[in-house]
Amino acid sequence: MSKPVVMLLLITGTLLTVACKKVSYHQLSEEDMTWLVYENNQVDEFSNGSGATVKYVVGLRTKTYNDYGDVANEFTAAYFSQLNDTTALKVADSHGELRLYKQDNDALNVTLSWPHFPFHDVPINNLIPSVANINGILYPDIVIIDGSNYTNARFYNKRIWYSKSAGVVQYEDTSGNIWVRN
């Protein structure tokens, strides 16, 4: 065979090998999806001991893939917005997110951000859950995320109680107010 023909065959073979490489999908399982307890347009109302209320809406719940060449990692998220937020110094202060992400090694990463909370994308699925009685309801799967040492005027929610089966059920602000989901 002539040199140009051999070179053409090598290039064609290489291109076919690269083009036919199988994409590796890392998908969320049904068990993984049990973390996502929120629905589109769901409104959760929280109240404190003095009768004040704060409402949060789940404006969008999405599920898709992040593609990195031949690796596709599935994720889903619920995006929160605090309604009628008059305390936000920046628009982002009123927003949060619950995000489930399947990593390359098929490990699950569940993170939480909450409006006016100092930490963003806090990993919560590896925290050890405990039992808590909140407003007369017994939750066997509560994790508490504590940002007390990092609060300020923008981020004044210092602790969040998250239930895998119910979502955010309670939080505490820097004034000591406990806000419980109604």
C-alpha atoms as a PDB file:
ATOM      1  CA  MET A   1       0.000   0.000   0.000  1.00  0.00           C
ATOM      2  CA  SER A   2       1.094   3.479  -0.654  1.00  0.00           C
ATOM      3  CA  LYS A   3       2.009   5.800   2.178  1.00  0.00           C
ATOM      4  CA  PRO A   4      -0.963   8.207   1.676  1.00  0.00           C
ATOM      5  CA  VAL A   5      -3.472   5.317   1.767  1.00  0.00           C
ATOM      6  CA  VAL A   6      -1.973   3.910   4.997  1.00  0.00           C
ATOM      7  CA  MET A   7      -2.026   7.377   6.565  1.00  0.00           C
ATOM      8  CA  LEU A   8      -5.647   7.871   5.526  1.00  0.00           C
ATOM      9  CA  LEU A   9      -6.612   4.508   7.055  1.00  0.00           C
ATOM     10  CA  LEU A  10      -4.863   5.393  10.329  1.00  0.00           C
ATOM     11  CA  ILE A  11      -6.585   8.766  10.544  1.00  0.00           C
ATOM     12  CA  THR A  12      -9.978   7.229   9.716  1.00  0.00           C
ATOM     13  CA  GLY A  13      -9.475   4.506  12.351  1.00  0.00           C
ATOM     14  CA  THR A  14      -8.507   7.049  14.992  1.00  0.00           C
ATOM     15  CA  LEU A  15     -11.499   9.260  14.216  1.00  0.00           C
ATOM     16  CA  LEU A  16     -13.883   6.298  14.359  1.00  0.00           C
ATOM     17  CA  THR A  17     -12.447   5.176  17.686  1.00  0.00           C
ATOM     18  CA  VAL A  18     -12.845   8.652  19.184  1.00  0.00           C
ATOM     19  CA  ALA A  19     -16.291   9.220  17.646  1.00  0.00           C
ATOM     20  CA  CYS A  20     -17.623   5.840  18.798  1.00  0.00           C
ATOM     21  CA  LYS A  21     -16.427   6.171  22.392  1.00  0.00           C
ATOM     22  CA  LYS A  22     -19.329   5.360  24.679  1.00  0.00           C
ATOM     23  CA  VAL A  23     -20.636   8.068  26.996  1.00  0.00           C
ATOM     24  CA  SER A  24     -20.620   7.109  30.673  1.00  0.00           C
ATOM     25  CA  TYR A  25     -23.914   8.131  32.315  1.00  0.00           C
ATOM     26  CA  HIS A  26     -24.124   8.558  36.083  1.00  0.00           C
ATOM     27  CA  GLN A  27     -27.846   8.611  36.809  1.00  0.00           C
ATOM     28  CA  LEU A  28     -29.809   9.426  39.944  1.00  0.00           C
ATOM     29  CA  SER A  29     -31.559   6.364  41.362  1.00  0.00           C
ATOM     30  CA  GLU A  30     -35.057   6.239  42.854  1.00  0.00           C
ATOM     31  CA  GLU A  31     -33.455   6.155  46.306  1.00  0.00           C
ATOM     32  CA  ASP A  32     -31.406   9.267  45.442  1.00  0.00           C
ATOM     33  CA  MET A  33     -34.558  11.070  44.325  1.00  0.00           C
ATOM     34  CA  THR A  34     -36.181  10.622  47.760  1.00  0.00           C
ATOM     35  CA  TRP A  35     -34.144  13.639  48.854  1.00  0.00           C
ATOM     36  CA  LEU A  36     -36.138  15.883  46.509  1.00  0.00           C
ATOM     37  CA  VAL A  37     -39.344  16.445  48.446  1.00  0.00           C
ATOM     38  CA  TYR A  38     -40.302  19.752  46.808  1.00  0.00           C
ATOM     39  CA  GLU A  39     -42.727  20.336  43.934  1.00  0.00           C
ATOM     40  CA  ASN A  40     -42.856  23.157  41.370  1.00  0.00           C
ATOM     41  CA  ASN A  41     -44.675  26.227  42.697  1.00  0.00           C
ATOM     42  CA  GLN A  42     -44.858  24.764  46.204  1.00  0.00           C
ATOM     43  CA  VAL A  43     -45.171  27.504  48.826  1.00  0.00           C
ATOM     44  CA  ASP A  44     -43.915  26.829  52.348  1.00  0.00           C
ATOM     45  CA  GLU A  45     -44.856  29.198  55.130  1.00  0.00           C
ATOM     46  CA  PHE A  46     -42.794  29.525  58.289  1.00  0.00           C
ATOM     47  CA  SER A  47     -43.896  31.331  61.434  1.00  0.00           C
ATOM     48  CA  ASN A  48     -42.176  32.345  64.644  1.00  0.00           C
ATOM     49  CA  GLY A  49     -43.501  32.516  68.191  1.00  0.00           C
ATOM     50  CA  SER A  50     -44.739  36.100  67.777  1.00  0.00           C
ATOM     51  CA  GLY A  51     -46.976  35.288  64.793  1.00  0.00           C
ATOM     52  CA  ALA A  52     -44.780  36.713  62.012  1.00  0.00           C
ATOM     53  CA  THR A  53     -44.670  34.642  58.819  1.00  0.00           C
ATOM     54  CA  VAL A  54     -42.230  34.196  55.951  1.00  0.00           C
ATOM     55  CA  LYS A  55     -43.080  32.399  52.712  1.00  0.00           C
ATOM     56  CA  TYR A  56     -40.791  30.556  50.326  1.00  0.00           C
ATOM     57  CA  VAL A  57     -41.723  29.330  46.874  1.00  0.00           C
ATOM     58  CA  VAL A  58     -40.110  26.571  44.850  1.00  0.00           C
ATOM     59  CA  GLY A  59     -40.078  28.398  41.535  1.00  0.00           C
ATOM     60  CA  LEU A  60     -38.486  25.709  39.447  1.00  0.00           C
ATOM     61  CA  ARG A  61     -37.600  22.073  39.823  1.00  0.00           C
ATOM     62  CA  THR A  62     -35.335  20.753  37.109  1.00  0.00           C
ATOM     63  CA  LYS A  63     -33.541  17.541  36.131  1.00  0.00           C
ATOM     64  CA  THR A  64     -30.786  17.307  33.520  1.00  0.00           C
ATOM     65  CA  TYR A  65     -27.181  16.264  32.838  1.00  0.00           C
ATOM     66  CA  ASN A  66     -23.871  18.056  33.041  1.00  0.00           C
ATOM     67  CA  ASP A  67     -21.867  16.752  30.093  1.00  0.00           C
ATOM     68  CA  TYR A  68     -18.088  16.572  30.245  1.00  0.00           C
ATOM     69  CA  GLY A  69     -17.070  14.931  26.991  1.00  0.00           C
ATOM     70  CA  ASP A  70     -17.674  11.225  27.469  1.00  0.00           C
ATOM     71  CA  VAL A  71     -19.088  11.603  31.030  1.00  0.00           C
ATOM     72  CA  ALA A  72     -22.634  12.736  31.790  1.00  0.00           C
ATOM     73  CA  ASN A  73     -23.575  13.386  35.428  1.00  0.00           C
ATOM     74  CA  GLU A  74     -27.267  13.704  36.213  1.00  0.00           C
ATOM     75  CA  PHE A  75     -28.483  16.353  38.615  1.00  0.00           C
ATOM     76  CA  THR A  76     -31.763  17.720  39.831  1.00  0.00           C
ATOM     77  CA  ALA A  77     -32.541  20.791  41.882  1.00  0.00           C
ATOM     78  CA  ALA A  78     -35.308  22.757  43.533  1.00  0.00           C
ATOM     79  CA  TYR A  79     -34.790  26.523  43.578  1.00  0.00           C
ATOM     80  CA  PHE A  80     -36.193  28.533  46.501  1.00  0.00           C
ATOM     81  CA  SER A  81     -37.152  32.192  46.656  1.00  0.00           C
ATOM     82  CA  GLN A  82     -38.203  34.088  49.733  1.00  0.00           C
ATOM     83  CA  LEU A  83     -41.366  35.992  48.846  1.00  0.00           C
ATOM     84  CA  ASN A  84     -41.633  39.724  49.569  1.00  0.00           C
ATOM     85  CA  ASP A  85     -38.103  39.860  50.943  1.00  0.00           C
ATOM     86  CA  THR A  86     -37.520  43.427  52.130  1.00  0.00           C
ATOM     87  CA  THR A  87     -34.220  42.622  53.869  1.00  0.00           C
ATOM     88  CA  ALA A  88     -32.169  41.471  50.864  1.00  0.00           C
ATOM     89  CA  LEU A  89     -29.106  43.587  50.232  1.00  0.00           C
ATOM     90  CA  LYS A  90     -28.504  41.628  47.006  1.00  0.00           C
ATOM     91  CA  VAL A  91     -31.040  39.719  44.878  1.00  0.00           C
ATOM     92  CA  ALA A  92     -29.186  36.446  45.490  1.00  0.00           C
ATOM     93  CA  ASP A  93     -29.776  36.806  49.250  1.00  0.00           C
ATOM     94  CA  SER A  94     -33.445  35.829  48.729  1.00  0.00           C
ATOM     95  CA  HIS A  95     -32.627  32.575  46.942  1.00  0.00           C
ATOM     96  CA  GLY A  96     -31.504  29.057  47.776  1.00  0.00           C
ATOM     97  CA  GLU A  97     -31.317  25.620  46.252  1.00  0.00           C
ATOM     98  CA  LEU A  98     -31.557  21.935  47.079  1.00  0.00           C
ATOM     99  CA  ARG A  99     -29.318  20.122  44.602  1.00  0.00           C
ATOM    100  CA  LEU A 100     -28.770  16.396  44.005  1.00  0.00           C
ATOM    101  CA  TYR A 101     -25.773  15.534  41.869  1.00  0.00           C
ATOM    102  CA  LYS A 102     -24.540  12.109  40.783  1.00  0.00           C
ATOM    103  CA  GLN A 103     -20.747  12.205  40.630  1.00  0.00           C
ATOM    104  CA  ASP A 104     -18.398  10.326  38.296  1.00  0.00           C
ATOM    105  CA  ASN A 105     -17.871   7.558  40.866  1.00  0.00           C
ATOM    106  CA  ASP A 106     -21.687   7.210  41.199  1.00  0.00           C
ATOM    107  CA  ALA A 107     -21.553   8.827  44.646  1.00  0.00           C
ATOM    108  CA  LEU A 108     -24.468  11.103  45.495  1.00  0.00           C
ATOM    109  CA  ASN A 109     -23.858  14.687  46.558  1.00  0.00           C
ATOM    110  CA  VAL A 110     -26.850  16.522  48.099  1.00  0.00           C
ATOM    111  CA  THR A 111     -26.314  20.195  48.876  1.00  0.00           C
ATOM    112  CA  LEU A 112     -28.480  22.906  50.392  1.00  0.00           C
ATOM    113  CA  SER A 113     -28.471  26.674  50.161  1.00  0.00           C
ATOM    114  CA  TRP A 114     -31.122  28.699  51.967  1.00  0.00           C
ATOM    115  CA  PRO A 115     -32.089  32.372  51.690  1.00  0.00           C
ATOM    116  CA  HIS A 116     -30.095  34.580  54.073  1.00  0.00           C
ATOM    117  CA  PHE A 117     -27.938  31.659  55.234  1.00  0.00           C
ATOM    118  CA  PRO A 118     -24.151  32.172  55.223  1.00  0.00           C
ATOM    119  CA  PHE A 119     -23.227  28.860  53.574  1.00  0.00           C
ATOM    120  CA  HIS A 120     -23.989  27.936  49.984  1.00  0.00           C
ATOM    121  CA  ASP A 121     -24.099  24.385  48.681  1.00  0.00           C
ATOM    122  CA  VAL A 122     -23.677  22.735  52.103  1.00  0.00           C
ATOM    123  CA  PRO A 123     -23.286  18.954  51.650  1.00  0.00           C
ATOM    124  CA  ILE A 124     -26.056  17.379  53.741  1.00  0.00           C
ATOM    125  CA  ASN A 125     -26.352  13.734  52.679  1.00  0.00           C
ATOM    126  CA  ASN A 126     -23.219  12.721  54.596  1.00  0.00           C
ATOM    127  CA  LEU A 127     -24.315  14.377  57.857  1.00  0.00           C
ATOM    128  CA  ILE A 128     -25.490  12.015  60.574  1.00  0.00           C
ATOM    129  CA  PRO A 129     -29.247  12.397  61.088  1.00  0.00           C
ATOM    130  CA  SER A 130     -30.877  12.515  64.485  1.00  0.00           C
ATOM    131  CA  VAL A 131     -34.433  12.411  65.807  1.00  0.00           C
ATOM    132  CA  ALA A 132     -36.153  15.717  66.550  1.00  0.00           C
ATOM    133  CA  ASN A 133     -39.620  16.734  67.705  1.00  0.00           C
ATOM    134  CA  ILE A 134     -40.473  19.968  65.922  1.00  0.00           C
ATOM    135  CA  ASN A 135     -43.837  21.563  66.590  1.00  0.00           C
ATOM    136  CA  GLY A 136     -45.276  18.222  67.730  1.00  0.00           C
ATOM    137  CA  ILE A 137     -44.036  16.252  64.712  1.00  0.00           C
ATOM    138  CA  LEU A 138     -41.380  13.588  65.226  1.00  0.00           C
ATOM    139  CA  TYR A 139     -38.754  13.622  62.467  1.00  0.00           C
ATOM    140  CA  PRO A 140     -36.368  10.622  62.506  1.00  0.00           C
ATOM    141  CA  ASP A 141     -34.051  12.089  59.855  1.00  0.00           C
ATOM    142  CA  ILE A 142     -33.055  15.614  60.910  1.00  0.00           C
ATOM    143  CA  VAL A 143     -29.695  17.155  60.122  1.00  0.00           C
ATOM    144  CA  ILE A 144     -28.821  20.544  61.570  1.00  0.00           C
ATOM    145  CA  ILE A 145     -26.647  22.913  59.586  1.00  0.00           C
ATOM    146  CA  ASP A 146     -25.053  25.526  61.817  1.00  0.00           C
ATOM    147  CA  GLY A 147     -23.683  28.766  60.387  1.00  0.00           C
ATOM    148  CA  SER A 148     -23.801  30.717  63.661  1.00  0.00           C
ATOM    149  CA  ASN A 149     -20.193  31.886  63.486  1.00  0.00           C
ATOM    150  CA  TYR A 150     -20.615  33.308  59.972  1.00  0.00           C
ATOM    151  CA  THR A 151     -23.800  35.372  60.179  1.00  0.00           C
ATOM    152  CA  ASN A 152     -24.013  39.078  59.378  1.00  0.00           C
ATOM    153  CA  ALA A 153     -26.569  41.626  58.088  1.00  0.00           C
ATOM    154  CA  ARG A 154     -27.037  39.724  54.813  1.00  0.00           C
ATOM    155  CA  PHE A 155     -26.871  36.210  56.221  1.00  0.00           C
ATOM    156  CA  TYR A 156     -28.902  36.326  59.425  1.00  0.00           C
ATOM    157  CA  ASN A 157     -30.310  32.777  59.424  1.00  0.00           C
ATOM    158  CA  LYS A 158     -27.877  30.871  61.605  1.00  0.00           C
ATOM    159  CA  ARG A 159     -29.243  27.308  61.866  1.00  0.00           C
ATOM    160  CA  ILE A 160     -31.355  25.124  59.575  1.00  0.00           C
ATOM    161  CA  TRP A 161     -33.131  21.870  60.467  1.00  0.00           C
ATOM    162  CA  TYR A 162     -33.451  19.724  57.363  1.00  0.00           C
ATOM    163  CA  SER A 163     -35.440  16.485  57.143  1.00  0.00           C
ATOM    164  CA  LYS A 164     -34.718  14.094  54.286  1.00  0.00           C
ATOM    165  CA  SER A 165     -38.406  13.195  54.205  1.00  0.00           C
ATOM    166  CA  ALA A 166     -39.827  16.723  54.543  1.00  0.00           C
ATOM    167  CA  GLY A 167     -37.204  19.317  53.548  1.00  0.00           C
ATOM    168  CA  VAL A 168     -36.477  22.407  55.642  1.00  0.00           C
ATOM    169  CA  VAL A 169     -38.768  22.201  58.673  1.00  0.00           C
ATOM    170  CA  GLN A 170     -37.258  24.857  60.927  1.00  0.00           C
ATOM    171  CA  TYR A 171     -34.594  27.541  61.062  1.00  0.00           C
ATOM    172  CA  GLU A 172     -33.256  30.021  63.596  1.00  0.00           C
ATOM    173  CA  ASP A 173     -32.217  33.620  62.966  1.00  0.00           C
ATOM    174  CA  THR A 174     -29.614  35.708  64.780  1.00  0.00           C
ATOM    175  CA  SER A 175     -32.283  37.328  66.962  1.00  0.00           C
ATOM    176  CA  GLY A 176     -33.089  33.921  68.441  1.00  0.00           C
ATOM    177  CA  ASN A 177     -36.389  33.559  66.585  1.00  0.00           C
ATOM    178  CA  ILE A 178     -37.249  29.965  65.711  1.00  0.00           C
ATOM    179  CA  TRP A 179     -39.159  29.764  62.428  1.00  0.00           C
ATOM    180  CA  VAL A 180     -41.217  26.573  62.036  1.00  0.00           C
ATOM    181  CA  ARG A 181     -42.853  25.398  58.819  1.00  0.00           C
ATOM    182  CA  ASN A 182     -46.643  25.489  59.105  1.00  0.00           C
END
